[in-house]
Amino acid sequence: MQQEQNVKGGYLSIDSDPYSIFMFAINAQVTKQKYTYRLTKFFDFINLEGETIQQRCRNAVDMDRNGNNSSNTKWLLNNILRFLQAQKERVDRKGLNV
C-alpha cells in the first residue's frame, strides 16, 4: 500500500490536512455544506481565527497540540464540551430542536 495517498482519489494519509480528514467520508454535497456550516459555527463560538475553513481547522489542531496555555493540554476537547453545553442550554431555554 502506498504511504502517500491522494485525498481526491479517495485516500488519506496521516499527514493530510485536518479539513480533508473531516470531510473525507462524506459523500453528499448537501451534507458537506451542512457540516462545514456547523463547524464554522463551532469555530465562531471558540473565537478561532483563520481566513478559510481549512486554515481554521489547522489552527484548531495546532492549538490542541500545543495547548492554549501550559495548564490546558486538552484545549479542543474542552471547547467541544463547552460548545455542546451551550447548544444544550440554548435548546432547553428556547425549546428548539437541533
N, C-alpha and C. Protein backbone atom coordinates (compact mmCIF):
# COMPACT_ATOMS: atom_id res chain seq x y z
N MET A 1 0.85 -1.19 0.00
CA MET A 1 0.00 0.00 0.00
C MET A 1 0.88 1.24 0.00
N GLN A 2 0.46 2.26 -0.74
CA GLN A 2 1.23 3.49 -0.82
C GLN A 2 1.23 4.25 0.49
N GLN A 3 2.35 4.85 0.83
CA GLN A 3 2.47 5.67 2.03
C GLN A 3 1.74 6.99 1.84
N GLU A 4 2.03 7.69 0.74
CA GLU A 4 1.36 8.95 0.44
C GLU A 4 0.17 8.66 -0.46
N GLN A 5 -0.99 9.09 -0.07
CA GLN A 5 -2.18 8.80 -0.85
C GLN A 5 -2.94 10.09 -1.11
N ASN A 6 -3.66 10.10 -2.19
CA ASN A 6 -4.36 11.28 -2.65
C ASN A 6 -5.75 11.36 -2.04
N VAL A 7 -6.08 12.49 -1.41
CA VAL A 7 -7.40 12.68 -0.81
C VAL A 7 -8.46 12.70 -1.89
N LYS A 8 -8.24 13.41 -2.99
CA LYS A 8 -9.23 13.49 -4.06
C LYS A 8 -9.44 12.14 -4.73
N GLY A 9 -8.43 11.29 -4.70
CA GLY A 9 -8.54 9.96 -5.27
C GLY A 9 -9.23 8.99 -4.33
N GLY A 10 -9.63 9.44 -3.15
CA GLY A 10 -10.34 8.58 -2.22
C GLY A 10 -9.48 8.00 -1.13
N TYR A 11 -8.29 8.52 -0.95
CA TYR A 11 -7.38 8.02 0.07
C TYR A 11 -6.87 9.16 0.94
N LEU A 12 -6.53 8.83 2.14
CA LEU A 12 -5.95 9.80 3.08
C LEU A 12 -4.63 9.28 3.58
N SER A 13 -3.80 10.20 4.02
CA SER A 13 -2.60 9.81 4.75
C SER A 13 -2.68 10.49 6.10
N ILE A 14 -1.86 10.07 7.00
CA ILE A 14 -1.83 10.65 8.34
C ILE A 14 -1.43 12.13 8.27
N ASP A 15 -0.78 12.53 7.19
CA ASP A 15 -0.32 13.90 7.04
C ASP A 15 -1.30 14.78 6.27
N SER A 16 -2.45 14.25 5.93
CA SER A 16 -3.45 15.06 5.22
C SER A 16 -3.90 16.20 6.11
N ASP A 17 -4.37 17.28 5.48
CA ASP A 17 -4.80 18.41 6.30
C ASP A 17 -6.08 18.05 7.06
N PRO A 18 -6.29 18.66 8.24
CA PRO A 18 -7.42 18.30 9.10
C PRO A 18 -8.79 18.43 8.44
N TYR A 19 -8.97 19.45 7.62
CA TYR A 19 -10.27 19.63 6.96
C TYR A 19 -10.55 18.47 5.99
N SER A 20 -9.55 18.05 5.25
CA SER A 20 -9.72 16.92 4.33
C SER A 20 -10.08 15.65 5.08
N ILE A 21 -9.47 15.46 6.22
CA ILE A 21 -9.78 14.30 7.05
C ILE A 21 -11.23 14.38 7.53
N PHE A 22 -11.65 15.57 7.96
CA PHE A 22 -13.02 15.79 8.43
C PHE A 22 -14.04 15.48 7.33
N MET A 23 -13.75 15.90 6.10
CA MET A 23 -14.70 15.76 5.00
C MET A 23 -14.58 14.45 4.23
N PHE A 24 -13.57 13.68 4.49
CA PHE A 24 -13.23 12.51 3.68
C PHE A 24 -14.39 11.55 3.43
N ALA A 25 -15.10 11.14 4.44
CA ALA A 25 -16.10 10.09 4.31
C ALA A 25 -17.49 10.61 3.95
N ILE A 26 -17.62 11.90 3.78
CA ILE A 26 -18.93 12.47 3.47
C ILE A 26 -19.11 12.52 1.96
N ASN A 27 -20.12 11.85 1.46
CA ASN A 27 -20.33 11.78 0.01
C ASN A 27 -21.28 12.85 -0.50
N ALA A 28 -22.37 13.09 0.21
CA ALA A 28 -23.40 14.00 -0.27
C ALA A 28 -22.96 15.46 -0.13
N GLN A 29 -23.13 16.22 -1.19
CA GLN A 29 -22.73 17.63 -1.20
C GLN A 29 -23.51 18.44 -0.16
N VAL A 30 -24.80 18.16 0.00
CA VAL A 30 -25.61 18.88 0.98
C VAL A 30 -25.09 18.62 2.39
N THR A 31 -24.73 17.40 2.67
CA THR A 31 -24.18 17.06 3.99
C THR A 31 -22.86 17.78 4.20
N LYS A 32 -22.02 17.85 3.20
CA LYS A 32 -20.74 18.57 3.30
C LYS A 32 -20.99 20.04 3.64
N GLN A 33 -21.98 20.63 2.98
CA GLN A 33 -22.29 22.04 3.25
C GLN A 33 -22.80 22.23 4.67
N LYS A 34 -23.67 21.35 5.14
CA LYS A 34 -24.21 21.45 6.49
C LYS A 34 -23.12 21.27 7.54
N TYR A 35 -22.25 20.28 7.34
CA TYR A 35 -21.17 20.03 8.30
C TYR A 35 -20.19 21.19 8.33
N THR A 36 -19.89 21.74 7.17
CA THR A 36 -18.98 22.89 7.11
C THR A 36 -19.61 24.09 7.82
N TYR A 37 -20.90 24.30 7.63
CA TYR A 37 -21.60 25.39 8.31
C TYR A 37 -21.55 25.20 9.83
N ARG A 38 -21.80 23.98 10.27
CA ARG A 38 -21.78 23.70 11.72
C ARG A 38 -20.38 23.82 12.30
N LEU A 39 -19.39 23.39 11.56
CA LEU A 39 -18.01 23.53 12.01
C LEU A 39 -17.63 25.01 12.11
N THR A 40 -18.09 25.80 11.16
CA THR A 40 -17.85 27.25 11.20
C THR A 40 -18.49 27.87 12.43
N LYS A 41 -19.70 27.44 12.77
CA LYS A 41 -20.38 27.94 13.97
C LYS A 41 -19.57 27.60 15.23
N PHE A 42 -19.02 26.39 15.27
CA PHE A 42 -18.19 25.99 16.40
C PHE A 42 -16.95 26.88 16.49
N PHE A 43 -16.28 27.08 15.37
CA PHE A 43 -15.08 27.92 15.36
C PHE A 43 -15.42 29.36 15.75
N ASP A 44 -16.57 29.85 15.33
CA ASP A 44 -17.00 31.19 15.75
C ASP A 44 -17.21 31.24 17.26
N PHE A 45 -17.82 30.20 17.81
CA PHE A 45 -18.09 30.12 19.23
C PHE A 45 -16.80 30.18 20.06
N ILE A 46 -15.75 29.50 19.58
CA ILE A 46 -14.50 29.49 20.34
C ILE A 46 -13.54 30.59 19.90
N ASN A 47 -14.03 31.48 19.02
CA ASN A 47 -13.23 32.61 18.52
C ASN A 47 -11.92 32.17 17.89
N LEU A 48 -12.00 31.14 17.07
CA LEU A 48 -10.82 30.63 16.38
C LEU A 48 -10.64 31.38 15.07
N GLU A 49 -9.47 31.95 14.88
CA GLU A 49 -9.21 32.76 13.70
C GLU A 49 -8.70 31.92 12.54
N GLY A 50 -8.83 32.49 11.36
CA GLY A 50 -8.35 31.88 10.13
C GLY A 50 -9.13 32.43 8.96
N GLU A 51 -8.48 32.57 7.83
CA GLU A 51 -9.14 33.15 6.66
C GLU A 51 -10.05 32.16 5.95
N THR A 52 -9.73 30.88 6.03
CA THR A 52 -10.54 29.84 5.39
C THR A 52 -10.89 28.77 6.42
N ILE A 53 -11.83 27.94 6.08
CA ILE A 53 -12.20 26.84 6.98
C ILE A 53 -11.02 25.88 7.13
N GLN A 54 -10.26 25.70 6.07
CA GLN A 54 -9.09 24.83 6.15
C GLN A 54 -8.06 25.39 7.13
N GLN A 55 -7.83 26.70 7.09
CA GLN A 55 -6.88 27.33 8.00
C GLN A 55 -7.39 27.25 9.44
N ARG A 56 -8.68 27.43 9.62
CA ARG A 56 -9.24 27.34 10.97
C ARG A 56 -9.10 25.93 11.53
N CYS A 57 -9.26 24.91 10.69
CA CYS A 57 -9.06 23.52 11.13
C CYS A 57 -7.61 23.30 11.54
N ARG A 58 -6.67 23.79 10.72
CA ARG A 58 -5.26 23.64 11.07
C ARG A 58 -4.95 24.38 12.37
N ASN A 59 -5.53 25.57 12.55
CA ASN A 59 -5.31 26.33 13.78
C ASN A 59 -5.85 25.58 15.00
N ALA A 60 -7.01 24.94 14.84
CA ALA A 60 -7.60 24.18 15.95
C ALA A 60 -6.69 23.03 16.35
N VAL A 61 -6.17 22.32 15.37
CA VAL A 61 -5.27 21.20 15.65
C VAL A 61 -3.99 21.72 16.32
N ASP A 62 -3.45 22.81 15.79
CA ASP A 62 -2.23 23.39 16.38
C ASP A 62 -2.46 23.83 17.82
N MET A 63 -3.60 24.47 18.07
CA MET A 63 -3.91 24.92 19.43
C MET A 63 -4.02 23.72 20.37
N ASP A 64 -4.62 22.65 19.88
CA ASP A 64 -4.78 21.47 20.73
C ASP A 64 -3.44 20.78 20.99
N ARG A 65 -2.63 20.68 19.95
CA ARG A 65 -1.32 20.02 20.11
C ARG A 65 -0.40 20.82 21.03
N ASN A 66 -0.41 22.13 20.86
CA ASN A 66 0.49 22.99 21.64
C ASN A 66 -0.11 23.41 22.97
N GLY A 67 -1.41 23.24 23.10
CA GLY A 67 -2.10 23.71 24.30
C GLY A 67 -2.26 25.21 24.22
N ASN A 68 -3.42 25.69 24.55
CA ASN A 68 -3.67 27.13 24.55
C ASN A 68 -2.82 27.81 25.61
N ASN A 69 -2.55 27.09 26.66
CA ASN A 69 -1.59 27.52 27.68
C ASN A 69 -1.06 26.27 28.35
N SER A 70 -0.07 26.40 29.18
CA SER A 70 0.59 25.22 29.73
C SER A 70 -0.30 24.38 30.64
N SER A 71 -1.35 24.97 31.19
CA SER A 71 -2.20 24.21 32.12
C SER A 71 -3.36 23.51 31.41
N ASN A 72 -3.52 23.73 30.11
CA ASN A 72 -4.67 23.19 29.41
C ASN A 72 -4.23 22.37 28.20
N THR A 73 -3.97 21.10 28.42
CA THR A 73 -3.49 20.25 27.34
C THR A 73 -4.61 19.63 26.52
N LYS A 74 -5.85 19.78 26.95
CA LYS A 74 -6.99 19.22 26.22
C LYS A 74 -7.88 20.36 25.73
N TRP A 75 -7.26 21.31 25.10
CA TRP A 75 -7.94 22.52 24.67
C TRP A 75 -9.13 22.25 23.76
N LEU A 76 -8.94 21.42 22.73
CA LEU A 76 -10.01 21.17 21.77
C LEU A 76 -11.17 20.42 22.41
N LEU A 77 -10.89 19.39 23.17
CA LEU A 77 -11.96 18.64 23.84
C LEU A 77 -12.74 19.55 24.78
N ASN A 78 -12.06 20.37 25.55
CA ASN A 78 -12.75 21.28 26.46
C ASN A 78 -13.65 22.25 25.71
N ASN A 79 -13.20 22.74 24.56
CA ASN A 79 -14.02 23.66 23.78
C ASN A 79 -15.20 22.97 23.12
N ILE A 80 -15.01 21.73 22.70
CA ILE A 80 -16.14 20.98 22.15
C ILE A 80 -17.21 20.78 23.22
N LEU A 81 -16.78 20.42 24.42
CA LEU A 81 -17.73 20.24 25.51
C LEU A 81 -18.44 21.54 25.87
N ARG A 82 -17.71 22.66 25.89
CA ARG A 82 -18.33 23.97 26.15
C ARG A 82 -19.38 24.29 25.09
N PHE A 83 -19.05 24.03 23.83
CA PHE A 83 -19.96 24.30 22.73
C PHE A 83 -21.22 23.44 22.84
N LEU A 84 -21.03 22.15 23.11
CA LEU A 84 -22.19 21.26 23.25
C LEU A 84 -23.08 21.67 24.42
N GLN A 85 -22.46 22.07 25.52
CA GLN A 85 -23.23 22.53 26.68
C GLN A 85 -24.03 23.79 26.33
N ALA A 86 -23.39 24.71 25.63
CA ALA A 86 -24.08 25.95 25.23
C ALA A 86 -25.25 25.64 24.30
N GLN A 87 -25.08 24.70 23.37
CA GLN A 87 -26.17 24.32 22.48
C GLN A 87 -27.30 23.65 23.25
N LYS A 88 -26.95 22.80 24.18
CA LYS A 88 -27.96 22.13 25.01
C LYS A 88 -28.75 23.15 25.81
N GLU A 89 -28.07 24.11 26.41
CA GLU A 89 -28.74 25.16 27.17
C GLU A 89 -29.64 26.01 26.28
N ARG A 90 -29.18 26.28 25.06
CA ARG A 90 -29.97 27.06 24.10
C ARG A 90 -31.26 26.32 23.76
N VAL A 91 -31.15 25.02 23.54
CA VAL A 91 -32.33 24.21 23.23
C VAL A 91 -33.27 24.18 24.43
N ASP A 92 -32.72 23.94 25.62
CA ASP A 92 -33.55 23.87 26.82
C ASP A 92 -34.26 25.20 27.09
N ARG A 93 -33.56 26.29 26.87
CA ARG A 93 -34.10 27.62 27.13
C ARG A 93 -35.20 28.00 26.15
N LYS A 94 -35.04 27.64 24.89
CA LYS A 94 -35.98 28.06 23.86
C LYS A 94 -36.88 26.95 23.36
N GLY A 95 -36.62 25.74 23.81
CA GLY A 95 -37.41 24.62 23.32
C GLY A 95 -37.17 24.33 21.86
N LEU A 96 -35.93 24.58 21.39
CA LEU A 96 -35.58 24.39 19.98
C LEU A 96 -35.16 22.95 19.71
N ASN A 97 -35.34 22.53 18.49
CA ASN A 97 -34.80 21.25 18.03
C ASN A 97 -33.44 21.53 17.40
N VAL A 98 -32.49 20.61 17.60
CA VAL A 98 -31.16 20.79 16.99
C VAL A 98 -31.10 20.20 15.63
